[in-house]
Amino acid sequence: QMDVKTTFLNGYLQEEVFVEQPPGFLDSKFQDHVFKLDKALYGLKQAPRAWYDRLSKLLLDSGFKRGSVDKTIFLKSKNSDLLVVQMYVDDM
């Protein structure tokens, strides 16, 4: 088992998301400006899905097959060896 650090900061967003300037980081010249996110942030409702999509693509591109019943399980076999990866939030 492993825990992926900063998991939800590694997902790419599929839609445009804008956020207000956080307290303590206000630009005094542009206090009403908002920021467009390039990647997911903690607390963003899209963050878990963005992470799942990114890791799924990596595993599938690496020759894994997605489980037919549980979509969080990925399988890769070679000869008599079987490698199983299961994703659960930020754990694998």
N, C-alpha and C. Protein backbone atom coordinates (compact mmCIF):
# COMPACT_ATOMS: atom_id res chain seq x y z
N GLN A 1 0.85 -1.17 0.00
CA GLN A 1 0.00 0.00 0.00
C GLN A 1 0.89 1.23 0.00
N MET A 2 0.44 2.27 -0.68
CA MET A 2 1.16 3.53 -0.67
C MET A 2 0.19 4.69 -0.66
N ASP A 3 0.63 5.77 -0.07
CA ASP A 3 -0.16 6.98 -0.01
C ASP A 3 0.48 7.98 -0.97
N VAL A 4 -0.31 8.54 -1.86
CA VAL A 4 0.19 9.51 -2.83
C VAL A 4 0.09 10.90 -2.21
N LYS A 5 1.22 11.53 -1.99
CA LYS A 5 1.23 12.87 -1.40
C LYS A 5 0.75 13.90 -2.42
N THR A 6 0.10 14.90 -1.95
CA THR A 6 -0.45 16.00 -2.78
C THR A 6 -1.28 15.46 -3.96
N THR A 7 -1.99 14.40 -3.71
CA THR A 7 -2.77 13.72 -4.74
C THR A 7 -3.62 14.66 -5.56
N PHE A 8 -4.44 15.43 -4.89
CA PHE A 8 -5.44 16.22 -5.61
C PHE A 8 -4.85 17.46 -6.27
N LEU A 9 -3.57 17.69 -6.10
CA LEU A 9 -2.92 18.79 -6.81
C LEU A 9 -2.37 18.33 -8.15
N ASN A 10 -2.52 17.05 -8.46
CA ASN A 10 -1.93 16.48 -9.68
C ASN A 10 -2.93 16.19 -10.78
N GLY A 11 -4.19 16.50 -10.57
CA GLY A 11 -5.18 16.23 -11.61
C GLY A 11 -5.37 17.42 -12.53
N TYR A 12 -5.61 17.14 -13.80
CA TYR A 12 -5.88 18.19 -14.78
C TYR A 12 -7.38 18.38 -14.91
N LEU A 13 -7.83 19.61 -14.90
CA LEU A 13 -9.26 19.91 -14.98
C LEU A 13 -9.74 19.84 -16.42
N GLN A 14 -10.95 19.33 -16.60
CA GLN A 14 -11.53 19.23 -17.94
C GLN A 14 -12.39 20.43 -18.27
N GLU A 15 -12.66 21.27 -17.28
CA GLU A 15 -13.47 22.46 -17.52
C GLU A 15 -12.76 23.66 -16.91
N GLU A 16 -13.23 24.85 -17.28
CA GLU A 16 -12.64 26.06 -16.72
C GLU A 16 -13.18 26.28 -15.31
N VAL A 17 -12.27 26.53 -14.38
CA VAL A 17 -12.65 26.80 -12.99
C VAL A 17 -11.94 28.08 -12.57
N PHE A 18 -12.70 29.00 -11.99
CA PHE A 18 -12.16 30.27 -11.53
C PHE A 18 -12.32 30.36 -10.03
N VAL A 19 -11.34 30.95 -9.35
CA VAL A 19 -11.39 31.12 -7.90
C VAL A 19 -11.08 32.56 -7.53
N GLU A 20 -11.63 32.97 -6.39
CA GLU A 20 -11.32 34.29 -5.86
C GLU A 20 -9.90 34.30 -5.29
N GLN A 21 -9.35 35.48 -5.13
CA GLN A 21 -8.04 35.60 -4.50
C GLN A 21 -8.18 35.22 -3.02
N PRO A 22 -7.31 34.35 -2.54
CA PRO A 22 -7.41 33.93 -1.13
C PRO A 22 -7.01 35.06 -0.18
N PRO A 23 -7.58 35.06 1.01
CA PRO A 23 -7.21 36.07 2.01
C PRO A 23 -5.69 36.04 2.25
N GLY A 24 -5.11 37.20 2.35
CA GLY A 24 -3.67 37.30 2.55
C GLY A 24 -2.88 37.35 1.26
N PHE A 25 -3.54 37.10 0.13
CA PHE A 25 -2.87 37.12 -1.16
C PHE A 25 -3.56 38.07 -2.14
N LEU A 26 -4.31 39.00 -1.61
CA LEU A 26 -5.03 39.95 -2.46
C LEU A 26 -4.04 40.90 -3.14
N ASP A 27 -4.25 41.09 -4.43
CA ASP A 27 -3.47 42.07 -5.17
C ASP A 27 -4.15 43.41 -4.96
N SER A 28 -3.47 44.34 -4.31
CA SER A 28 -4.11 45.61 -3.94
C SER A 28 -4.56 46.41 -5.16
N LYS A 29 -3.93 46.22 -6.31
CA LYS A 29 -4.32 46.94 -7.53
C LYS A 29 -5.52 46.28 -8.21
N PHE A 30 -5.69 44.99 -8.01
CA PHE A 30 -6.74 44.24 -8.72
C PHE A 30 -7.52 43.38 -7.74
N GLN A 31 -8.14 44.00 -6.76
CA GLN A 31 -8.82 43.25 -5.70
C GLN A 31 -10.02 42.45 -6.18
N ASP A 32 -10.59 42.83 -7.31
CA ASP A 32 -11.77 42.12 -7.82
C ASP A 32 -11.43 41.04 -8.84
N HIS A 33 -10.15 40.85 -9.12
CA HIS A 33 -9.75 39.84 -10.11
C HIS A 33 -9.93 38.43 -9.54
N VAL A 34 -10.19 37.50 -10.43
CA VAL A 34 -10.24 36.08 -10.07
C VAL A 34 -9.15 35.36 -10.86
N PHE A 35 -8.87 34.13 -10.46
CA PHE A 35 -7.83 33.34 -11.13
C PHE A 35 -8.44 32.12 -11.79
N LYS A 36 -7.93 31.80 -12.98
CA LYS A 36 -8.32 30.57 -13.67
C LYS A 36 -7.33 29.48 -13.26
N LEU A 37 -7.86 28.36 -12.80
CA LEU A 37 -6.99 27.26 -12.36
C LEU A 37 -6.47 26.47 -13.56
N ASP A 38 -5.21 26.10 -13.49
CA ASP A 38 -4.62 25.20 -14.49
C ASP A 38 -4.76 23.75 -14.05
N LYS A 39 -4.71 23.54 -12.73
CA LYS A 39 -4.80 22.20 -12.16
C LYS A 39 -5.71 22.25 -10.94
N ALA A 40 -6.04 21.09 -10.44
CA ALA A 40 -6.96 20.98 -9.31
C ALA A 40 -6.32 21.50 -8.02
N LEU A 41 -7.18 21.86 -7.08
CA LEU A 41 -6.77 22.31 -5.74
C LEU A 41 -7.49 21.47 -4.70
N TYR A 42 -6.94 21.43 -3.48
CA TYR A 42 -7.65 20.78 -2.38
C TYR A 42 -9.00 21.46 -2.17
N GLY A 43 -10.01 20.67 -1.89
CA GLY A 43 -11.34 21.20 -1.63
C GLY A 43 -12.17 21.41 -2.87
N LEU A 44 -11.57 21.30 -4.03
CA LEU A 44 -12.31 21.46 -5.28
C LEU A 44 -13.07 20.18 -5.57
N LYS A 45 -14.36 20.29 -5.84
CA LYS A 45 -15.16 19.07 -6.00
C LYS A 45 -14.71 18.23 -7.18
N GLN A 46 -14.06 18.83 -8.17
CA GLN A 46 -13.58 18.09 -9.34
C GLN A 46 -12.24 17.39 -9.09
N ALA A 47 -11.57 17.71 -7.99
CA ALA A 47 -10.21 17.21 -7.75
C ALA A 47 -10.10 15.69 -7.72
N PRO A 48 -10.96 14.96 -6.99
CA PRO A 48 -10.83 13.50 -6.98
C PRO A 48 -10.99 12.88 -8.37
N ARG A 49 -11.95 13.38 -9.14
CA ARG A 49 -12.17 12.84 -10.49
C ARG A 49 -10.99 13.15 -11.41
N ALA A 50 -10.45 14.36 -11.29
CA ALA A 50 -9.31 14.75 -12.13
C ALA A 50 -8.11 13.85 -11.84
N TRP A 51 -7.89 13.53 -10.57
CA TRP A 51 -6.80 12.63 -10.17
C TRP A 51 -7.05 11.22 -10.71
N TYR A 52 -8.28 10.72 -10.54
CA TYR A 52 -8.62 9.38 -11.03
C TYR A 52 -8.39 9.30 -12.55
N ASP A 53 -8.84 10.30 -13.28
CA ASP A 53 -8.68 10.30 -14.74
C ASP A 53 -7.21 10.29 -15.14
N ARG A 54 -6.40 11.09 -14.45
CA ARG A 54 -4.98 11.16 -14.80
C ARG A 54 -4.27 9.84 -14.51
N LEU A 55 -4.48 9.27 -13.33
CA LEU A 55 -3.81 8.02 -12.99
C LEU A 55 -4.34 6.87 -13.84
N SER A 56 -5.63 6.84 -14.11
CA SER A 56 -6.21 5.80 -14.96
C SER A 56 -5.56 5.80 -16.33
N LYS A 57 -5.39 6.98 -16.91
CA LYS A 57 -4.77 7.09 -18.23
C LYS A 57 -3.34 6.55 -18.19
N LEU A 58 -2.60 6.91 -17.16
CA LEU A 58 -1.22 6.43 -17.02
C LEU A 58 -1.18 4.90 -16.95
N LEU A 59 -2.05 4.32 -16.12
CA LEU A 59 -2.07 2.87 -15.98
C LEU A 59 -2.49 2.19 -17.28
N LEU A 60 -3.53 2.68 -17.92
CA LEU A 60 -4.00 2.08 -19.18
C LEU A 60 -2.93 2.20 -20.27
N ASP A 61 -2.27 3.35 -20.34
CA ASP A 61 -1.19 3.54 -21.32
C ASP A 61 0.00 2.64 -21.03
N SER A 62 0.11 2.16 -19.79
CA SER A 62 1.22 1.28 -19.39
C SER A 62 0.87 -0.20 -19.52
N GLY A 63 -0.28 -0.49 -20.14
CA GLY A 63 -0.64 -1.87 -20.41
C GLY A 63 -1.56 -2.52 -19.40
N PHE A 64 -2.04 -1.77 -18.43
CA PHE A 64 -3.01 -2.32 -17.47
C PHE A 64 -4.39 -2.38 -18.11
N LYS A 65 -5.21 -3.28 -17.61
CA LYS A 65 -6.62 -3.38 -18.01
C LYS A 65 -7.47 -2.96 -16.82
N ARG A 66 -8.52 -2.20 -17.10
CA ARG A 66 -9.42 -1.77 -16.02
C ARG A 66 -10.32 -2.93 -15.62
N GLY A 67 -10.56 -3.07 -14.33
CA GLY A 67 -11.45 -4.13 -13.85
C GLY A 67 -12.84 -3.98 -14.42
N SER A 68 -13.50 -5.10 -14.70
CA SER A 68 -14.83 -5.04 -15.31
C SER A 68 -15.92 -4.75 -14.30
N VAL A 69 -15.72 -5.11 -13.05
CA VAL A 69 -16.73 -4.89 -12.01
C VAL A 69 -16.39 -3.65 -11.20
N ASP A 70 -15.14 -3.54 -10.77
CA ASP A 70 -14.70 -2.42 -9.95
C ASP A 70 -13.75 -1.56 -10.78
N LYS A 71 -14.17 -0.37 -11.13
CA LYS A 71 -13.38 0.51 -12.01
C LYS A 71 -12.17 1.12 -11.33
N THR A 72 -11.98 0.83 -10.03
CA THR A 72 -10.79 1.33 -9.33
C THR A 72 -9.69 0.28 -9.29
N ILE A 73 -9.93 -0.88 -9.90
CA ILE A 73 -8.93 -1.95 -9.95
C ILE A 73 -8.35 -2.02 -11.37
N PHE A 74 -7.02 -2.12 -11.43
CA PHE A 74 -6.32 -2.23 -12.71
C PHE A 74 -5.43 -3.46 -12.63
N LEU A 75 -5.42 -4.24 -13.71
CA LEU A 75 -4.71 -5.51 -13.74
C LEU A 75 -3.72 -5.54 -14.90
N LYS A 76 -2.56 -6.15 -14.64
CA LYS A 76 -1.57 -6.35 -15.69
C LYS A 76 -0.95 -7.72 -15.46
N SER A 77 -0.95 -8.54 -16.49
CA SER A 77 -0.38 -9.88 -16.34
C SER A 77 0.69 -10.13 -17.40
N LYS A 78 1.64 -10.95 -17.01
CA LYS A 78 2.70 -11.37 -17.92
C LYS A 78 3.09 -12.77 -17.50
N ASN A 79 2.92 -13.71 -18.42
CA ASN A 79 3.14 -15.12 -18.12
C ASN A 79 2.27 -15.52 -16.93
N SER A 80 2.87 -15.98 -15.85
CA SER A 80 2.05 -16.38 -14.70
C SER A 80 2.02 -15.30 -13.61
N ASP A 81 2.59 -14.14 -13.89
CA ASP A 81 2.61 -13.05 -12.91
C ASP A 81 1.40 -12.13 -13.12
N LEU A 82 0.85 -11.66 -12.02
CA LEU A 82 -0.29 -10.74 -12.06
C LEU A 82 -0.01 -9.57 -11.13
N LEU A 83 -0.14 -8.37 -11.65
CA LEU A 83 0.02 -7.16 -10.86
C LEU A 83 -1.35 -6.49 -10.75
N VAL A 84 -1.78 -6.23 -9.52
CA VAL A 84 -3.09 -5.62 -9.27
C VAL A 84 -2.86 -4.28 -8.58
N VAL A 85 -3.46 -3.23 -9.12
CA VAL A 85 -3.41 -1.90 -8.50
C VAL A 85 -4.83 -1.48 -8.22
N GLN A 86 -5.11 -1.09 -6.99
CA GLN A 86 -6.43 -0.56 -6.66
C GLN A 86 -6.26 0.85 -6.13
N MET A 87 -7.09 1.74 -6.64
CA MET A 87 -7.07 3.14 -6.20
C MET A 87 -8.20 3.35 -5.19
N TYR A 88 -7.87 4.05 -4.12
CA TYR A 88 -8.88 4.45 -3.15
C TYR A 88 -8.51 5.84 -2.66
N VAL A 89 -9.21 6.83 -3.12
CA VAL A 89 -8.95 8.24 -2.83
C VAL A 89 -7.49 8.55 -3.16
N ASP A 90 -6.61 8.65 -2.15
CA ASP A 90 -5.20 8.93 -2.44
C ASP A 90 -4.29 7.77 -2.06
N ASP A 91 -4.87 6.58 -1.95
CA ASP A 91 -4.10 5.38 -1.63
C ASP A 91 -4.12 4.42 -2.81
N MET A 92 -3.02 3.67 -2.95
CA MET A 92 -2.95 2.63 -3.98
C MET A 92 -2.40 1.37 -3.34
